[in-house]
Amino acid sequence: MSESAARTNADPAELERFSAMAAQWWDPKGPNRALIAMNPVRVGYIAERVGGLVGKSCLDVGCGGGLLAEALAAEGAESVLGLDASEEMLEVARLHAMDGNLPGLDYRHGTAEEIDGQFDVVCCLEVLEHVPRPGELIAACARLTRPGGHLLASTLNRTPKAFALGIVAAEFVLGLLPRGTHRYEKFIRPSELEDWARPAGFTAEDFTGLQYNPLHGGFRLGGGLDVNYIAHFAKADG
């Protein structure tokens, strides 16, 4: 890994792989279709956990082509900053945003460790399992979350079931994701996520499973945490 990549907590191979997907990011039948199907469920969870998005400032860490960032803006967030280390992804995000009327939406190239600011809601969804040092990313998210604010994080649990469904089934059998999207050793147990969040000043408020239904290709909240899950952390007020 280069010195620059190490400093920015980014994996060059991961960036190259995701950048290659950029042109198909919004294609509901393309390699990103699982994330597209998951997005409405994620947005609904976020809005409910933070008491609605109207008037709030949001940061989408690892925003990719803008799926979540656009949805947060459409839900009434006062401002949304999408942040990503891939210029190719950001170009797609900016082009797609031109089709909507979302004046509070902006995009920036970089990582959470490199920027300053304070946000009411910080989202780090499906990102932690793709960076070299996820604990440092959680600490950076804490610095960017205002007192009384919220962190939403989603990832995959490191369990045999997650290996079977999140890698073998999703990548090799059903073709929901490109092969090589995930590495089992990078999956994160909820206890590990909480261990990183607690010293960063967060209190765990909720852990909820994200369940995929192969019959209709959709996701729902609930069930166990043994494959995909999303978590809500709150930062102390003052």
C-alpha atoms as a PDB file:
ATOM      1  CA  MET A   1       0.000   0.000   0.000  1.00  0.00           C
ATOM      2  CA  SER A   2       1.283   3.489  -0.839  1.00  0.00           C
ATOM      3  CA  GLU A   3       2.009   6.067   1.863  1.00  0.00           C
ATOM      4  CA  SER A   4      -0.879   8.181   0.550  1.00  0.00           C
ATOM      5  CA  ALA A   5      -3.342   5.297   0.704  1.00  0.00           C
ATOM      6  CA  ALA A   6      -2.221   4.413   4.221  1.00  0.00           C
ATOM      7  CA  ARG A   7      -2.670   8.013   5.359  1.00  0.00           C
ATOM      8  CA  THR A   8      -6.187   8.258   3.951  1.00  0.00           C
ATOM      9  CA  ASN A   9      -7.300   4.836   5.238  1.00  0.00           C
ATOM     10  CA  ALA A  10      -8.169   3.644   1.738  1.00  0.00           C
ATOM     11  CA  ASP A  11      -7.423   0.373  -0.037  1.00  0.00           C
ATOM     12  CA  PRO A  12      -6.231   1.087  -3.610  1.00  0.00           C
ATOM     13  CA  ALA A  13      -7.548  -2.244  -4.888  1.00  0.00           C
ATOM     14  CA  GLU A  14     -10.989  -1.521  -3.432  1.00  0.00           C
ATOM     15  CA  LEU A  15     -11.014   1.962  -4.960  1.00  0.00           C
ATOM     16  CA  GLU A  16     -10.070   0.588  -8.354  1.00  0.00           C
ATOM     17  CA  ARG A  17     -12.772  -2.088  -8.207  1.00  0.00           C
ATOM     18  CA  PHE A  18     -15.539   0.303  -7.194  1.00  0.00           C
ATOM     19  CA  SER A  19     -14.410   2.956  -9.676  1.00  0.00           C
ATOM     20  CA  ALA A  20     -14.751   0.368 -12.447  1.00  0.00           C
ATOM     21  CA  MET A  21     -18.420  -0.035 -11.469  1.00  0.00           C
ATOM     22  CA  ALA A  22     -19.154   3.690 -11.527  1.00  0.00           C
ATOM     23  CA  ALA A  23     -20.903   3.865 -14.911  1.00  0.00           C
ATOM     24  CA  GLN A  24     -23.388   1.154 -13.814  1.00  0.00           C
ATOM     25  CA  TRP A  25     -23.959   2.433 -10.279  1.00  0.00           C
ATOM     26  CA  TRP A  26     -27.602   3.434 -10.806  1.00  0.00           C
ATOM     27  CA  ASP A  27     -28.561   0.520 -13.083  1.00  0.00           C
ATOM     28  CA  PRO A  28     -31.275  -1.500 -11.237  1.00  0.00           C
ATOM     29  CA  LYS A  29     -30.200  -4.589 -13.183  1.00  0.00           C
ATOM     30  CA  GLY A  30     -26.474  -3.912 -12.907  1.00  0.00           C
ATOM     31  CA  PRO A  31     -23.788  -5.006 -10.439  1.00  0.00           C
ATOM     32  CA  ASN A  32     -25.072  -2.589  -7.780  1.00  0.00           C
ATOM     33  CA  ARG A  33     -28.675  -3.836  -7.785  1.00  0.00           C
ATOM     34  CA  ALA A  34     -28.502  -5.296  -4.266  1.00  0.00           C
ATOM     35  CA  LEU A  35     -27.512  -1.920  -2.807  1.00  0.00           C
ATOM     36  CA  ILE A  36     -30.218  -0.198  -4.870  1.00  0.00           C
ATOM     37  CA  ALA A  37     -32.794  -2.622  -3.451  1.00  0.00           C
ATOM     38  CA  MET A  38     -31.491  -2.063   0.083  1.00  0.00           C
ATOM     39  CA  ASN A  39     -31.476   1.731  -0.087  1.00  0.00           C
ATOM     40  CA  PRO A  40     -35.145   2.549   0.674  1.00  0.00           C
ATOM     41  CA  VAL A  41     -35.007   0.340   3.767  1.00  0.00           C
ATOM     42  CA  ARG A  42     -31.823   2.044   4.954  1.00  0.00           C
ATOM     43  CA  VAL A  43     -33.255   5.522   4.420  1.00  0.00           C
ATOM     44  CA  GLY A  44     -36.435   4.654   6.299  1.00  0.00           C
ATOM     45  CA  TYR A  45     -34.417   3.325   9.219  1.00  0.00           C
ATOM     46  CA  ILE A  46     -32.230   6.426   9.346  1.00  0.00           C
ATOM     47  CA  ALA A  47     -35.162   8.825   9.207  1.00  0.00           C
ATOM     48  CA  GLU A  48     -36.969   6.991  12.014  1.00  0.00           C
ATOM     49  CA  ARG A  49     -33.941   6.681  14.281  1.00  0.00           C
ATOM     50  CA  VAL A  50     -32.920  10.367  14.037  1.00  0.00           C
ATOM     51  CA  GLY A  51     -36.435  11.765  14.391  1.00  0.00           C
ATOM     52  CA  GLY A  52     -36.842  12.782  10.766  1.00  0.00           C
ATOM     53  CA  LEU A  53     -34.360  14.349   8.371  1.00  0.00           C
ATOM     54  CA  VAL A  54     -36.055  17.702   7.704  1.00  0.00           C
ATOM     55  CA  GLY A  55     -33.693  20.530   8.573  1.00  0.00           C
ATOM     56  CA  LYS A  56     -30.776  18.280   9.488  1.00  0.00           C
ATOM     57  CA  SER A  57     -27.229  18.367   8.130  1.00  0.00           C
ATOM     58  CA  CYS A  58     -26.002  14.986   6.896  1.00  0.00           C
ATOM     59  CA  LEU A  59     -22.679  13.460   5.875  1.00  0.00           C
ATOM     60  CA  ASP A  60     -22.596  10.328   3.711  1.00  0.00           C
ATOM     61  CA  VAL A  61     -19.145   8.779   4.132  1.00  0.00           C
ATOM     62  CA  GLY A  62     -18.185   6.594   1.177  1.00  0.00           C
ATOM     63  CA  CYS A  63     -21.152   7.865  -0.829  1.00  0.00           C
ATOM     64  CA  GLY A  64     -20.239   6.093  -4.070  1.00  0.00           C
ATOM     65  CA  GLY A  65     -22.482   7.229  -6.906  1.00  0.00           C
ATOM     66  CA  GLY A  66     -24.881   9.027  -4.579  1.00  0.00           C
ATOM     67  CA  LEU A  67     -27.651   6.509  -3.825  1.00  0.00           C
ATOM     68  CA  LEU A  68     -27.970   7.373  -0.149  1.00  0.00           C
ATOM     69  CA  ALA A  69     -26.951  11.036  -0.406  1.00  0.00           C
ATOM     70  CA  GLU A  70     -29.686  11.797  -2.949  1.00  0.00           C
ATOM     71  CA  ALA A  71     -32.286   9.956  -0.887  1.00  0.00           C
ATOM     72  CA  LEU A  72     -31.364  11.863   2.284  1.00  0.00           C
ATOM     73  CA  ALA A  73     -31.701  15.161   0.408  1.00  0.00           C
ATOM     74  CA  ALA A  74     -35.052  14.080  -1.038  1.00  0.00           C
ATOM     75  CA  GLU A  75     -36.255  13.299   2.504  1.00  0.00           C
ATOM     76  CA  GLY A  76     -35.807  16.961   3.420  1.00  0.00           C
ATOM     77  CA  ALA A  77     -32.318  17.178   4.903  1.00  0.00           C
ATOM     78  CA  GLU A  78     -31.198  20.806   4.922  1.00  0.00           C
ATOM     79  CA  SER A  79     -27.766  19.852   3.622  1.00  0.00           C
ATOM     80  CA  VAL A  80     -26.130  16.622   2.515  1.00  0.00           C
ATOM     81  CA  LEU A  81     -22.429  16.197   1.813  1.00  0.00           C
ATOM     82  CA  GLY A  82     -21.458  13.052  -0.062  1.00  0.00           C
ATOM     83  CA  LEU A  83     -17.829  12.108   0.498  1.00  0.00           C
ATOM     84  CA  ASP A  84     -15.874   9.515  -1.465  1.00  0.00           C
ATOM     85  CA  ALA A  85     -12.275   8.647  -2.291  1.00  0.00           C
ATOM     86  CA  SER A  86     -13.138   7.747  -5.904  1.00  0.00           C
ATOM     87  CA  GLU A  87     -13.296  10.609  -8.398  1.00  0.00           C
ATOM     88  CA  GLU A  88     -15.043   8.321 -10.886  1.00  0.00           C
ATOM     89  CA  MET A  89     -17.827   7.637  -8.415  1.00  0.00           C
ATOM     90  CA  LEU A  90     -18.242  11.319  -7.625  1.00  0.00           C
ATOM     91  CA  GLU A  91     -18.509  12.188 -11.302  1.00  0.00           C
ATOM     92  CA  VAL A  92     -21.412   9.737 -11.605  1.00  0.00           C
ATOM     93  CA  ALA A  93     -23.011  11.132  -8.437  1.00  0.00           C
ATOM     94  CA  ARG A  94     -22.812  14.722  -9.654  1.00  0.00           C
ATOM     95  CA  LEU A  95     -24.184  13.874 -13.087  1.00  0.00           C
ATOM     96  CA  HIS A  96     -27.100  11.934 -11.630  1.00  0.00           C
ATOM     97  CA  ALA A  97     -27.924  14.730  -9.177  1.00  0.00           C
ATOM     98  CA  MET A  98     -28.377  17.123 -12.097  1.00  0.00           C
ATOM     99  CA  ASP A  99     -31.649  15.337 -12.914  1.00  0.00           C
ATOM    100  CA  GLY A 100     -33.168  16.306  -9.549  1.00  0.00           C
ATOM    101  CA  ASN A 101     -33.950  19.505  -7.677  1.00  0.00           C
ATOM    102  CA  LEU A 102     -31.776  18.969  -4.609  1.00  0.00           C
ATOM    103  CA  PRO A 103     -30.071  22.289  -3.819  1.00  0.00           C
ATOM    104  CA  GLY A 104     -28.700  21.152  -0.456  1.00  0.00           C
ATOM    105  CA  LEU A 105     -26.741  18.260  -1.969  1.00  0.00           C
ATOM    106  CA  ASP A 106     -23.002  18.525  -2.540  1.00  0.00           C
ATOM    107  CA  TYR A 107     -20.138  16.126  -3.149  1.00  0.00           C
ATOM    108  CA  ARG A 108     -16.474  16.214  -2.139  1.00  0.00           C
ATOM    109  CA  HIS A 109     -13.475  14.046  -2.924  1.00  0.00           C
ATOM    110  CA  GLY A 110     -11.682  12.705   0.143  1.00  0.00           C
ATOM    111  CA  THR A 111     -12.082  10.612   3.278  1.00  0.00           C
ATOM    112  CA  ALA A 112     -13.574  11.249   6.713  1.00  0.00           C
ATOM    113  CA  GLU A 113     -10.091  11.489   8.207  1.00  0.00           C
ATOM    114  CA  GLU A 114      -9.242  14.398   5.888  1.00  0.00           C
ATOM    115  CA  ILE A 115     -12.164  16.789   6.311  1.00  0.00           C
ATOM    116  CA  ASP A 116     -13.519  19.078   9.027  1.00  0.00           C
ATOM    117  CA  GLY A 117     -17.050  19.966  10.018  1.00  0.00           C
ATOM    118  CA  GLN A 118     -19.924  19.027  12.294  1.00  0.00           C
ATOM    119  CA  PHE A 119     -23.041  17.200  11.133  1.00  0.00           C
ATOM    120  CA  ASP A 120     -26.303  16.192  12.767  1.00  0.00           C
ATOM    121  CA  VAL A 121     -26.285  12.810  11.031  1.00  0.00           C
ATOM    122  CA  VAL A 122     -23.233  10.888   9.825  1.00  0.00           C
ATOM    123  CA  CYS A 123     -23.823   7.787   7.708  1.00  0.00           C
ATOM    124  CA  CYS A 124     -21.188   5.145   7.044  1.00  0.00           C
ATOM    125  CA  LEU A 125     -23.070   2.398   5.222  1.00  0.00           C
ATOM    126  CA  GLU A 126     -21.427  -0.611   3.583  1.00  0.00           C
ATOM    127  CA  VAL A 127     -18.027   1.071   3.889  1.00  0.00           C
ATOM    128  CA  LEU A 128     -16.351  -0.226   7.048  1.00  0.00           C
ATOM    129  CA  GLU A 129     -15.646  -3.670   5.550  1.00  0.00           C
ATOM    130  CA  HIS A 130     -13.772  -2.045   2.656  1.00  0.00           C
ATOM    131  CA  VAL A 131     -11.201   0.103   4.513  1.00  0.00           C
ATOM    132  CA  PRO A 132      -7.892  -1.020   6.067  1.00  0.00           C
ATOM    133  CA  ARG A 133      -8.630   0.420   9.545  1.00  0.00           C
ATOM    134  CA  PRO A 134     -12.367   0.552  10.297  1.00  0.00           C
ATOM    135  CA  GLY A 135     -11.843   1.576  13.914  1.00  0.00           C
ATOM    136  CA  GLU A 136     -10.061   4.727  12.777  1.00  0.00           C
ATOM    137  CA  LEU A 137     -12.927   5.485  10.423  1.00  0.00           C
ATOM    138  CA  ILE A 138     -15.397   5.281  13.311  1.00  0.00           C
ATOM    139  CA  ALA A 139     -13.196   7.709  15.288  1.00  0.00           C
ATOM    140  CA  ALA A 140     -13.164  10.088  12.323  1.00  0.00           C
ATOM    141  CA  CYS A 141     -16.959   9.861  12.078  1.00  0.00           C
ATOM    142  CA  ALA A 142     -17.184  10.711  15.782  1.00  0.00           C
ATOM    143  CA  ARG A 143     -15.134  13.868  15.247  1.00  0.00           C
ATOM    144  CA  LEU A 144     -17.531  14.905  12.489  1.00  0.00           C
ATOM    145  CA  THR A 145     -20.700  14.229  14.506  1.00  0.00           C
ATOM    146  CA  ARG A 146     -21.957  17.217  16.482  1.00  0.00           C
ATOM    147  CA  PRO A 147     -22.811  16.760  20.189  1.00  0.00           C
ATOM    148  CA  GLY A 148     -26.267  15.242  20.333  1.00  0.00           C
ATOM    149  CA  GLY A 149     -25.885  13.926  16.782  1.00  0.00           C
ATOM    150  CA  HIS A 150     -26.164  10.463  15.287  1.00  0.00           C
ATOM    151  CA  LEU A 151     -23.991   7.889  13.545  1.00  0.00           C
ATOM    152  CA  LEU A 152     -25.597   5.227  11.361  1.00  0.00           C
ATOM    153  CA  ALA A 153     -23.362   2.349  10.288  1.00  0.00           C
ATOM    154  CA  SER A 154     -24.089  -0.822   8.339  1.00  0.00           C
ATOM    155  CA  THR A 155     -21.900  -3.772   7.437  1.00  0.00           C
ATOM    156  CA  LEU A 156     -21.810  -7.589   7.450  1.00  0.00           C
ATOM    157  CA  ASN A 157     -21.292  -9.776  10.475  1.00  0.00           C
ATOM    158  CA  ARG A 158     -18.344 -12.184  10.550  1.00  0.00           C
ATOM    159  CA  THR A 159     -20.287 -15.436  10.837  1.00  0.00           C
ATOM    160  CA  PRO A 160     -20.451 -18.658   8.810  1.00  0.00           C
ATOM    161  CA  LYS A 161     -23.963 -17.659   7.687  1.00  0.00           C
ATOM    162  CA  ALA A 162     -22.691 -14.319   6.404  1.00  0.00           C
ATOM    163  CA  PHE A 163     -19.970 -16.127   4.457  1.00  0.00           C
ATOM    164  CA  ALA A 164     -22.532 -18.505   2.971  1.00  0.00           C
ATOM    165  CA  LEU A 165     -25.105 -15.852   2.054  1.00  0.00           C
ATOM    166  CA  GLY A 166     -23.044 -12.669   1.703  1.00  0.00           C
ATOM    167  CA  ILE A 167     -20.264 -14.168  -0.397  1.00  0.00           C
ATOM    168  CA  VAL A 168     -21.082 -17.638  -1.754  1.00  0.00           C
ATOM    169  CA  ALA A 169     -24.765 -17.023  -2.526  1.00  0.00           C
ATOM    170  CA  ALA A 170     -24.678 -13.295  -3.305  1.00  0.00           C
ATOM    171  CA  GLU A 171     -21.515 -13.283  -5.431  1.00  0.00           C
ATOM    172  CA  PHE A 172     -21.231 -16.791  -6.908  1.00  0.00           C
ATOM    173  CA  VAL A 173     -24.752 -18.262  -7.012  1.00  0.00           C
ATOM    174  CA  LEU A 174     -27.252 -15.412  -7.398  1.00  0.00           C
ATOM    175  CA  GLY A 175     -24.867 -12.903  -8.938  1.00  0.00           C
ATOM    176  CA  LEU A 176     -26.242 -10.049  -6.805  1.00  0.00           C
ATOM    177  CA  LEU A 177     -22.747  -8.624  -6.405  1.00  0.00           C
ATOM    178  CA  PRO A 178     -19.591  -8.835  -8.508  1.00  0.00           C
ATOM    179  CA  ARG A 179     -17.258 -11.615  -7.428  1.00  0.00           C
ATOM    180  CA  GLY A 180     -14.631 -10.313  -5.046  1.00  0.00           C
ATOM    181  CA  THR A 181     -16.827  -7.565  -3.582  1.00  0.00           C
ATOM    182  CA  HIS A 182     -16.356  -8.882  -0.058  1.00  0.00           C
ATOM    183  CA  ARG A 183     -13.645 -10.625   1.923  1.00  0.00           C
ATOM    184  CA  TYR A 184     -14.812 -12.645   4.894  1.00  0.00           C
ATOM    185  CA  GLU A 185     -11.973 -11.565   7.159  1.00  0.00           C
ATOM    186  CA  LYS A 186     -13.075  -7.928   6.733  1.00  0.00           C
ATOM    187  CA  PHE A 187     -16.590  -8.581   8.068  1.00  0.00           C
ATOM    188  CA  ILE A 188     -17.291  -6.947  11.435  1.00  0.00           C
ATOM    189  CA  ARG A 189     -19.042  -8.353  14.466  1.00  0.00           C
ATOM    190  CA  PRO A 190     -21.507  -6.010  16.221  1.00  0.00           C
ATOM    191  CA  SER A 191     -19.437  -6.260  19.402  1.00  0.00           C
ATOM    192  CA  GLU A 192     -16.357  -5.037  17.504  1.00  0.00           C
ATOM    193  CA  LEU A 193     -18.285  -2.117  16.045  1.00  0.00           C
ATOM    194  CA  GLU A 194     -19.511  -1.137  19.496  1.00  0.00           C
ATOM    195  CA  ASP A 195     -15.980  -1.489  20.916  1.00  0.00           C
ATOM    196  CA  TRP A 196     -14.760   1.106  18.395  1.00  0.00           C
ATOM    197  CA  ALA A 197     -17.743   3.406  18.869  1.00  0.00           C
ATOM    198  CA  ARG A 198     -17.774   3.569  22.663  1.00  0.00           C
ATOM    199  CA  PRO A 199     -14.345   5.209  23.215  1.00  0.00           C
ATOM    200  CA  ALA A 200     -15.144   7.587  20.347  1.00  0.00           C
ATOM    201  CA  GLY A 201     -18.010   9.004  22.436  1.00  0.00           C
ATOM    202  CA  PHE A 202     -20.951   7.065  21.022  1.00  0.00           C
ATOM    203  CA  THR A 203     -23.663   5.128  22.817  1.00  0.00           C
ATOM    204  CA  ALA A 204     -25.212   2.196  20.977  1.00  0.00           C
ATOM    205  CA  GLU A 205     -28.948   2.814  20.585  1.00  0.00           C
ATOM    206  CA  ASP A 206     -29.957   0.014  18.241  1.00  0.00           C
ATOM    207  CA  PHE A 207     -28.754  -2.914  16.124  1.00  0.00           C
ATOM    208  CA  THR A 208     -31.167  -4.252  13.502  1.00  0.00           C
ATOM    209  CA  GLY A 209     -30.778  -6.953  10.863  1.00  0.00           C
ATOM    210  CA  LEU A 210     -31.214  -6.363   7.136  1.00  0.00           C
ATOM    211  CA  GLN A 211     -32.797  -9.421   5.545  1.00  0.00           C
ATOM    212  CA  TYR A 212     -32.786 -10.210   1.812  1.00  0.00           C
ATOM    213  CA  ASN A 213     -35.713 -12.030   0.212  1.00  0.00           C
ATOM    214  CA  PRO A 214     -34.575 -13.758  -3.006  1.00  0.00           C
ATOM    215  CA  LEU A 215     -38.184 -14.322  -4.135  1.00  0.00           C
ATOM    216  CA  HIS A 216     -38.873 -10.637  -4.760  1.00  0.00           C
ATOM    217  CA  GLY A 217     -35.347  -9.252  -4.593  1.00  0.00           C
ATOM    218  CA  GLY A 218     -36.078  -6.875  -1.724  1.00  0.00           C
ATOM    219  CA  PHE A 219     -34.814  -6.194   1.781  1.00  0.00           C
ATOM    220  CA  ARG A 220     -36.591  -5.749   5.077  1.00  0.00           C
ATOM    221  CA  LEU A 221     -35.560  -4.738   8.564  1.00  0.00           C
ATOM    222  CA  GLY A 222     -35.567  -7.244  11.399  1.00  0.00           C
ATOM    223  CA  GLY A 223     -34.495 -10.765  12.090  1.00  0.00           C
ATOM    224  CA  GLY A 224     -31.064 -11.664  13.371  1.00  0.00           C
ATOM    225  CA  LEU A 225     -27.788  -9.815  13.020  1.00  0.00           C
ATOM    226  CA  ASP A 226     -25.918 -12.782  11.590  1.00  0.00           C
ATOM    227  CA  VAL A 227     -25.591 -11.459   7.999  1.00  0.00           C
ATOM    228  CA  ASN A 228     -26.268  -7.794   7.141  1.00  0.00           C
ATOM    229  CA  TYR A 229     -27.058  -5.351   9.930  1.00  0.00           C
ATOM    230  CA  ILE A 230     -27.425  -1.612  10.527  1.00  0.00           C
ATOM    231  CA  ALA A 231     -26.643   0.195  13.773  1.00  0.00           C
ATOM    232  CA  HIS A 232     -27.579   3.516  15.337  1.00  0.00           C
ATOM    233  CA  PHE A 233     -25.210   5.318  17.699  1.00  0.00           C
ATOM    234  CA  ALA A 234     -25.870   8.590  19.535  1.00  0.00           C
ATOM    235  CA  LYS A 235     -23.265  11.110  20.641  1.00  0.00           C
ATOM    236  CA  ALA A 236     -23.603  12.763  24.042  1.00  0.00           C
ATOM    237  CA  ASP A 237     -25.022  16.285  23.978  1.00  0.00           C
ATOM    238  CA  GLY A 238     -22.326  18.552  25.324  1.00  0.00           C
END
